[in-house]
N, C-alpha and C. Protein backbone atom coordinates (compact mmCIF):
# COMPACT_ATOMS: atom_id res chain seq x y z
N MET A 1 -14.55 4.61 -6.22
CA MET A 1 -15.20 5.68 -5.10
C MET A 1 -14.66 6.97 -5.56
N ALA A 2 -15.84 8.14 -5.39
CA ALA A 2 -15.35 9.56 -6.06
C ALA A 2 -14.78 10.05 -4.85
N THR A 3 -13.38 10.62 -5.46
CA THR A 3 -12.72 11.52 -4.68
C THR A 3 -13.40 12.49 -3.54
N ASP A 4 -14.52 13.01 -4.10
CA ASP A 4 -14.67 14.10 -3.12
C ASP A 4 -15.99 13.50 -2.19
N SER A 5 -16.29 12.32 -2.20
CA SER A 5 -17.35 11.69 -1.34
C SER A 5 -16.90 11.66 0.01
N LEU A 6 -15.61 11.29 0.10
CA LEU A 6 -15.15 11.32 1.55
C LEU A 6 -13.68 11.64 1.58
N GLN A 7 -13.58 12.79 2.27
CA GLN A 7 -12.19 13.11 2.52
C GLN A 7 -11.67 13.51 3.73
N PRO A 8 -10.46 12.95 4.03
CA PRO A 8 -9.72 13.21 5.61
C PRO A 8 -9.73 14.91 5.57
N ALA A 9 -10.18 15.47 6.86
CA ALA A 9 -10.03 16.87 6.92
C ALA A 9 -8.86 16.92 7.87
N THR A 10 -7.69 16.74 7.09
CA THR A 10 -6.38 16.72 7.81
C THR A 10 -6.20 18.33 8.43
N THR A 11 -6.69 19.33 7.49
CA THR A 11 -6.60 20.87 7.75
C THR A 11 -7.55 21.12 9.09
N ARG A 12 -8.50 20.30 9.28
CA ARG A 12 -9.78 20.74 10.06
C ARG A 12 -9.63 19.80 11.77
N GLU A 13 -8.65 18.84 11.55
CA GLU A 13 -8.65 18.22 12.83
C GLU A 13 -7.59 18.56 13.71
N VAL A 14 -7.73 18.27 14.92
CA VAL A 14 -6.78 18.71 16.25
C VAL A 14 -6.34 20.20 16.22
N THR A 15 -5.60 20.62 15.05
CA THR A 15 -5.53 22.02 15.01
C THR A 15 -6.76 22.88 15.04
N ALA A 16 -7.79 22.39 14.58
CA ALA A 16 -8.86 23.47 14.68
C ALA A 16 -9.67 23.46 15.53
N THR A 17 -9.48 22.73 16.72
CA THR A 17 -10.39 22.59 17.92
C THR A 17 -9.51 22.75 18.99
N GLU A 18 -9.92 23.53 19.97
CA GLU A 18 -8.89 23.59 21.27
C GLU A 18 -9.47 22.53 22.14
N PRO A 19 -8.55 21.63 22.60
CA PRO A 19 -8.99 20.83 23.42
C PRO A 19 -9.17 21.61 25.05
N THR A 20 -10.18 20.94 25.70
CA THR A 20 -10.29 21.28 27.05
C THR A 20 -9.69 20.39 27.94
N ARG A 21 -8.99 19.49 27.49
CA ARG A 21 -8.46 18.26 28.56
C ARG A 21 -7.21 18.40 28.10
N GLY A 22 -6.21 18.54 29.03
CA GLY A 22 -4.46 18.56 28.61
C GLY A 22 -4.04 17.20 28.33
N GLY A 23 -2.81 16.91 27.48
CA GLY A 23 -2.45 15.86 27.06
C GLY A 23 -2.43 15.64 25.61
N ARG A 24 -1.61 14.55 25.19
CA ARG A 24 -1.69 13.82 23.90
C ARG A 24 -2.92 13.76 23.24
N ARG A 25 -3.03 14.16 21.88
CA ARG A 25 -3.98 13.56 20.85
C ARG A 25 -3.62 12.73 19.97
N TYR A 26 -4.11 11.67 19.41
CA TYR A 26 -3.82 10.79 18.79
C TYR A 26 -4.73 10.69 17.39
N ARG A 27 -4.31 10.70 15.89
CA ARG A 27 -5.08 10.35 15.07
C ARG A 27 -5.08 9.00 14.89
N PRO A 28 -6.44 8.34 15.04
CA PRO A 28 -6.59 6.95 15.01
C PRO A 28 -6.46 6.35 13.56
N VAL A 29 -5.75 5.54 13.00
CA VAL A 29 -5.59 5.10 11.72
C VAL A 29 -7.12 4.56 11.30
N VAL A 30 -7.33 4.62 10.12
CA VAL A 30 -8.85 4.25 9.54
C VAL A 30 -8.44 3.55 8.40
N ASP A 31 -9.05 2.48 7.93
CA ASP A 31 -9.65 2.02 6.59
C ASP A 31 -11.12 2.22 6.44
N ILE A 32 -11.52 2.93 5.11
CA ILE A 32 -12.62 3.15 4.63
C ILE A 32 -13.12 2.34 3.42
N LEU A 33 -14.08 1.51 3.46
CA LEU A 33 -14.47 0.68 2.65
C LEU A 33 -16.03 1.28 2.03
N GLU A 34 -16.16 1.30 0.55
CA GLU A 34 -17.20 1.73 0.19
C GLU A 34 -17.96 0.46 -0.57
N ARG A 35 -19.19 0.40 -0.26
CA ARG A 35 -20.11 -0.49 -0.71
C ARG A 35 -21.43 -0.09 -1.27
N ALA A 36 -21.98 -0.78 -2.10
CA ALA A 36 -23.10 0.02 -2.96
C ALA A 36 -23.92 0.57 -1.91
N GLU A 37 -24.33 -0.30 -0.81
CA GLU A 37 -25.31 0.64 0.24
C GLU A 37 -24.85 1.56 1.41
N GLU A 38 -23.58 1.36 1.60
CA GLU A 38 -23.13 2.15 2.74
C GLU A 38 -21.37 2.45 2.69
N LEU A 39 -21.02 3.18 3.17
CA LEU A 39 -19.36 3.40 3.75
C LEU A 39 -19.24 2.77 5.03
N THR A 40 -18.18 2.01 5.12
CA THR A 40 -17.87 1.41 6.58
C THR A 40 -16.36 1.80 6.94
N VAL A 41 -16.47 2.42 7.98
CA VAL A 41 -15.22 3.29 8.63
C VAL A 41 -14.60 2.19 9.64
N LEU A 42 -13.31 1.71 9.65
CA LEU A 42 -12.78 0.93 10.67
C LEU A 42 -11.58 1.69 11.26
N ALA A 43 -11.63 1.93 12.61
CA ALA A 43 -10.71 2.82 13.21
C ALA A 43 -10.36 2.11 14.25
N ASP A 44 -8.97 2.30 14.62
CA ASP A 44 -8.44 1.78 15.67
C ASP A 44 -7.90 2.65 16.84
N ILE A 45 -8.64 2.24 17.77
CA ILE A 45 -8.51 3.15 19.06
C ILE A 45 -8.51 2.53 20.48
N PRO A 46 -7.10 1.81 20.37
CA PRO A 46 -6.78 0.86 21.49
C PRO A 46 -6.83 1.88 22.90
N SER A 47 -7.08 1.09 23.72
CA SER A 47 -7.03 1.42 25.30
C SER A 47 -8.28 2.48 25.78
N VAL A 48 -9.33 2.39 24.72
CA VAL A 48 -10.43 3.17 24.98
C VAL A 48 -11.55 2.26 25.28
N CYS A 49 -12.02 2.31 26.45
CA CYS A 49 -13.49 1.84 26.67
C CYS A 49 -14.71 2.27 25.86
N GLY A 50 -15.72 1.27 25.64
CA GLY A 50 -16.68 1.67 24.98
C GLY A 50 -17.44 2.89 25.15
N ASP A 51 -17.70 3.18 26.36
CA ASP A 51 -18.42 4.30 27.11
C ASP A 51 -17.59 5.66 26.91
N ASP A 52 -16.28 5.49 26.54
CA ASP A 52 -15.47 6.62 26.30
C ASP A 52 -15.41 7.09 24.89
N ILE A 53 -16.25 6.38 24.07
CA ILE A 53 -16.31 6.94 22.78
C ILE A 53 -17.34 7.77 22.21
N ASP A 54 -17.02 8.97 21.53
CA ASP A 54 -18.16 9.83 21.18
C ASP A 54 -18.04 10.11 19.82
N ILE A 55 -19.09 9.70 18.94
CA ILE A 55 -19.07 9.97 17.80
C ILE A 55 -20.07 11.05 17.24
N SER A 56 -19.94 12.01 16.30
CA SER A 56 -20.91 13.02 15.90
C SER A 56 -20.84 13.12 14.48
N PHE A 57 -22.25 13.54 13.92
CA PHE A 57 -22.17 13.75 12.50
C PHE A 57 -23.14 14.77 12.57
N GLU A 58 -22.29 15.94 12.17
CA GLU A 58 -23.33 17.22 12.03
C GLU A 58 -22.45 18.03 10.86
N ASN A 59 -23.78 18.66 9.61
CA ASN A 59 -23.21 19.53 8.73
C ASN A 59 -22.28 18.83 7.71
N GLY A 60 -22.41 17.37 7.33
CA GLY A 60 -21.52 16.68 6.74
C GLY A 60 -20.02 16.32 7.22
N MET A 61 -19.92 16.45 8.56
CA MET A 61 -18.76 16.29 9.42
C MET A 61 -18.87 15.09 10.29
N LEU A 62 -18.18 13.94 10.11
CA LEU A 62 -18.10 12.82 11.00
C LEU A 62 -16.90 13.09 11.75
N THR A 63 -17.32 13.19 13.40
CA THR A 63 -16.03 13.21 14.07
C THR A 63 -16.06 11.78 15.20
N ILE A 64 -14.65 11.41 15.43
CA ILE A 64 -14.55 10.49 16.27
C ILE A 64 -13.60 11.00 17.26
N TYR A 65 -14.32 10.83 18.55
CA TYR A 65 -13.65 11.08 19.87
C TYR A 65 -13.52 9.70 20.93
N GLY A 66 -12.19 9.61 21.21
CA GLY A 66 -12.09 8.32 22.03
C GLY A 66 -11.20 8.97 23.18
N LYS A 67 -11.93 8.86 24.43
CA LYS A 67 -11.08 9.31 25.74
C LYS A 67 -10.24 7.81 26.46
N VAL A 68 -8.79 8.39 26.64
CA VAL A 68 -8.35 7.28 27.13
C VAL A 68 -7.91 7.63 28.78
N LYS A 69 -8.21 6.71 29.68
CA LYS A 69 -7.79 7.09 30.85
C LYS A 69 -6.62 6.85 31.16
N PRO A 70 -5.86 7.68 32.23
CA PRO A 70 -4.32 7.65 32.46
C PRO A 70 -4.27 6.24 33.04
N ARG A 71 -2.97 5.38 32.77
CA ARG A 71 -2.92 4.15 33.58
C ARG A 71 -2.53 4.22 35.17
N ALA A 72 -2.95 3.19 35.68
CA ALA A 72 -2.69 3.60 37.22
C ALA A 72 -1.62 2.03 37.19
N TYR A 73 -0.61 2.45 37.89
CA TYR A 73 0.57 1.43 38.23
C TYR A 73 0.40 1.15 39.52
N GLU A 74 0.44 -0.11 39.83
CA GLU A 74 0.78 -0.61 41.05
C GLU A 74 2.26 0.09 41.63
N LYS A 75 2.23 -0.26 43.02
CA LYS A 75 3.47 0.27 43.64
C LYS A 75 4.95 -0.18 43.17
N GLY A 76 5.81 0.26 43.08
CA GLY A 76 6.95 -0.18 42.53
C GLY A 76 7.64 0.78 41.49
N GLU A 77 8.72 0.71 40.96
CA GLU A 77 9.73 1.52 40.21
C GLU A 77 9.33 1.23 38.84
N LEU A 78 8.83 2.05 38.05
CA LEU A 78 8.68 2.15 36.49
C LEU A 78 10.04 2.27 36.04
N LEU A 79 10.41 1.19 35.14
CA LEU A 79 11.82 1.08 34.65
C LEU A 79 12.04 1.43 33.12
N MET A 80 10.62 1.36 32.46
CA MET A 80 10.70 2.08 31.19
C MET A 80 9.21 2.58 30.84
N HIS A 81 9.36 3.54 30.23
CA HIS A 81 8.00 4.09 29.87
C HIS A 81 7.71 4.57 28.48
N GLU A 82 7.23 3.54 27.66
CA GLU A 82 7.37 4.09 26.04
C GLU A 82 5.81 4.20 25.72
N TYR A 83 4.81 3.74 26.12
CA TYR A 83 3.35 4.07 25.78
C TYR A 83 2.94 5.27 26.23
N GLY A 84 2.63 5.82 25.07
CA GLY A 84 2.10 7.19 25.22
C GLY A 84 0.86 6.94 25.19
N ILE A 85 -0.11 8.10 26.73
CA ILE A 85 -1.31 7.99 26.84
C ILE A 85 -1.93 9.43 26.21
N GLY A 86 -3.01 9.01 25.35
CA GLY A 86 -3.74 10.29 25.00
C GLY A 86 -4.88 9.76 24.24
N ASP A 87 -5.65 10.98 23.96
CA ASP A 87 -7.02 10.51 23.28
C ASP A 87 -6.86 10.65 22.02
N PHE A 88 -7.88 9.90 21.53
CA PHE A 88 -8.08 9.66 19.81
C PHE A 88 -9.07 10.83 19.31
N TYR A 89 -8.60 11.33 18.13
CA TYR A 89 -9.59 12.42 17.58
C TYR A 89 -9.29 12.24 16.03
N ARG A 90 -10.15 12.39 15.44
CA ARG A 90 -10.39 12.27 13.97
C ARG A 90 -11.54 12.98 13.19
N THR A 91 -11.36 13.82 12.36
CA THR A 91 -12.77 14.26 11.51
C THR A 91 -12.68 13.94 10.18
N PHE A 92 -13.75 13.69 9.63
CA PHE A 92 -13.68 13.40 8.16
C PHE A 92 -15.19 14.39 7.64
N GLN A 93 -15.03 14.95 6.53
CA GLN A 93 -15.82 15.43 5.66
C GLN A 93 -16.60 14.49 4.66
N VAL A 94 -17.88 14.27 4.96
CA VAL A 94 -18.51 13.32 4.20
C VAL A 94 -19.76 13.64 3.29
N SER A 95 -19.84 13.20 2.33
CA SER A 95 -20.78 13.77 1.16
C SER A 95 -22.32 13.44 1.58
N GLU A 96 -22.85 14.48 0.98
CA GLU A 96 -24.50 14.42 1.49
C GLU A 96 -25.05 13.26 1.20
N THR A 97 -24.49 12.26 0.26
CA THR A 97 -25.28 10.98 -0.18
C THR A 97 -25.24 10.03 1.40
N ILE A 98 -25.14 10.39 2.53
CA ILE A 98 -24.94 9.65 3.50
C ILE A 98 -26.24 9.73 4.46
N ASP A 99 -26.91 8.92 5.10
CA ASP A 99 -28.27 8.94 5.78
C ASP A 99 -27.71 9.24 7.18
N PRO A 100 -27.81 10.45 7.79
CA PRO A 100 -27.31 10.32 9.00
C PRO A 100 -28.23 9.62 10.14
N SER A 101 -29.49 9.36 9.94
CA SER A 101 -30.29 8.66 10.78
C SER A 101 -29.89 7.35 11.00
N GLY A 102 -29.26 6.63 9.69
CA GLY A 102 -29.04 5.32 9.91
C GLY A 102 -27.59 4.85 10.26
N ILE A 103 -26.79 6.01 10.79
CA ILE A 103 -25.45 5.50 10.86
C ILE A 103 -25.61 4.74 12.52
N THR A 104 -24.67 3.56 12.35
CA THR A 104 -24.43 2.90 13.60
C THR A 104 -22.96 2.43 13.85
N ALA A 105 -22.63 2.35 14.89
CA ALA A 105 -21.42 1.89 15.54
C ALA A 105 -21.29 0.44 16.11
N GLU A 106 -20.11 0.18 16.10
CA GLU A 106 -19.82 -1.13 16.93
C GLU A 106 -18.26 -1.09 17.34
N PHE A 107 -18.13 -1.37 18.71
CA PHE A 107 -16.67 -1.45 19.13
C PHE A 107 -16.34 -2.77 19.64
N ALA A 108 -15.33 -3.36 19.26
CA ALA A 108 -14.75 -4.41 20.03
C ALA A 108 -13.43 -4.56 19.75
N ASN A 109 -12.50 -5.12 20.76
CA ASN A 109 -11.13 -5.39 20.75
C ASN A 109 -10.58 -4.19 20.08
N GLY A 110 -10.54 -3.06 20.53
CA GLY A 110 -9.93 -1.81 20.03
C GLY A 110 -10.36 -1.41 18.81
N VAL A 111 -11.12 -1.95 17.96
CA VAL A 111 -11.39 -1.70 16.71
C VAL A 111 -12.93 -0.92 16.69
N LEU A 112 -13.03 0.28 16.23
CA LEU A 112 -14.62 0.88 16.07
C LEU A 112 -15.01 0.72 14.59
N THR A 113 -16.06 0.20 14.41
CA THR A 113 -16.60 -0.08 13.07
C THR A 113 -17.85 0.91 13.10
N LEU A 114 -17.74 1.94 12.07
CA LEU A 114 -18.95 2.78 11.69
C LEU A 114 -19.53 2.08 10.34
N HIS A 115 -20.92 2.20 10.21
CA HIS A 115 -21.72 1.85 9.26
C HIS A 115 -22.37 3.30 8.86
N LEU A 116 -22.12 3.66 7.57
CA LEU A 116 -22.75 5.27 7.26
C LEU A 116 -23.42 4.69 5.91
N PRO A 117 -24.75 4.32 5.97
CA PRO A 117 -25.60 4.14 4.88
C PRO A 117 -25.85 5.29 4.13
N LYS A 118 -25.71 4.78 2.69
CA LYS A 118 -26.25 5.69 1.52
C LYS A 118 -27.83 6.04 1.52
N VAL A 119 -28.10 6.92 1.16
CA VAL A 119 -29.46 7.35 0.96
C VAL A 119 -29.74 6.75 -0.40
N GLU A 120 -30.98 6.34 -0.41
CA GLU A 120 -31.50 5.73 -1.50
C GLU A 120 -31.23 5.95 -2.72
N ALA A 121 -31.16 7.57 -3.12
CA ALA A 121 -31.06 7.86 -4.50
C ALA A 121 -29.70 7.56 -4.89
N ALA A 122 -28.63 7.64 -3.66
CA ALA A 122 -27.26 7.50 -4.21
C ALA A 122 -26.98 6.04 -4.34
N ARG A 123 -27.70 5.03 -4.07
CA ARG A 123 -27.44 3.65 -4.06
C ARG A 123 -27.42 3.15 -5.56
N PRO A 124 -26.53 2.36 -6.41
CA PRO A 124 -26.83 1.91 -7.48
C PRO A 124 -28.00 1.01 -7.73
N ARG A 125 -28.68 0.95 -8.83
CA ARG A 125 -30.01 0.16 -8.74
C ARG A 125 -29.83 -0.27 -10.32
N LYS A 126 -30.39 -1.61 -10.57
CA LYS A 126 -30.44 -2.27 -11.74
C LYS A 126 -31.75 -1.90 -12.30
N ILE A 127 -31.65 -1.54 -13.51
CA ILE A 127 -32.74 -1.35 -14.55
C ILE A 127 -33.11 -2.52 -15.48
N THR A 128 -34.28 -2.70 -15.17
CA THR A 128 -34.79 -4.00 -15.87
C THR A 128 -35.19 -3.40 -17.49
N VAL A 129 -34.62 -4.15 -18.48
CA VAL A 129 -35.03 -4.05 -19.84
C VAL A 129 -36.18 -5.03 -20.41
N LYS A 130 -37.15 -4.22 -20.74
CA LYS A 130 -38.43 -4.98 -21.19
C LYS A 130 -38.17 -5.44 -22.78
N ALA A 131 -38.22 -6.84 -23.18
CA ALA A 131 -38.11 -7.11 -24.42
C ALA A 131 -39.38 -7.45 -25.06
N THR A 132 -39.40 -6.72 -26.23
CA THR A 132 -40.81 -6.88 -26.84
C THR A 132 -40.73 -7.91 -28.07
């Protein structure tokens, strides 16, 4: 994979935007796979409902935002509180080899899977050699 084709925008995330909702923000951990026809992004965003995920692709920037609803506890005394509640936010700069009209997303068991298809010109192709 070319080093400039997909770069985490660590300096542009969270600090570059002003959240309108108070509370914590977490960076989801991701795996990015490159295949001949697409890039696949797998992002862990536990405690997010599918309806609360916002994905955008604009000007070469892929943004993932997952809103986590506060936990509601039944009556009783909370003896320990270790689990942090907060939204998930991450931005990547993606090369121009991605076809934005073909991007698809799936969400299951706390894992978001994004399929970013490459434009036809960026896909490898086999050249047939004619023997005479």
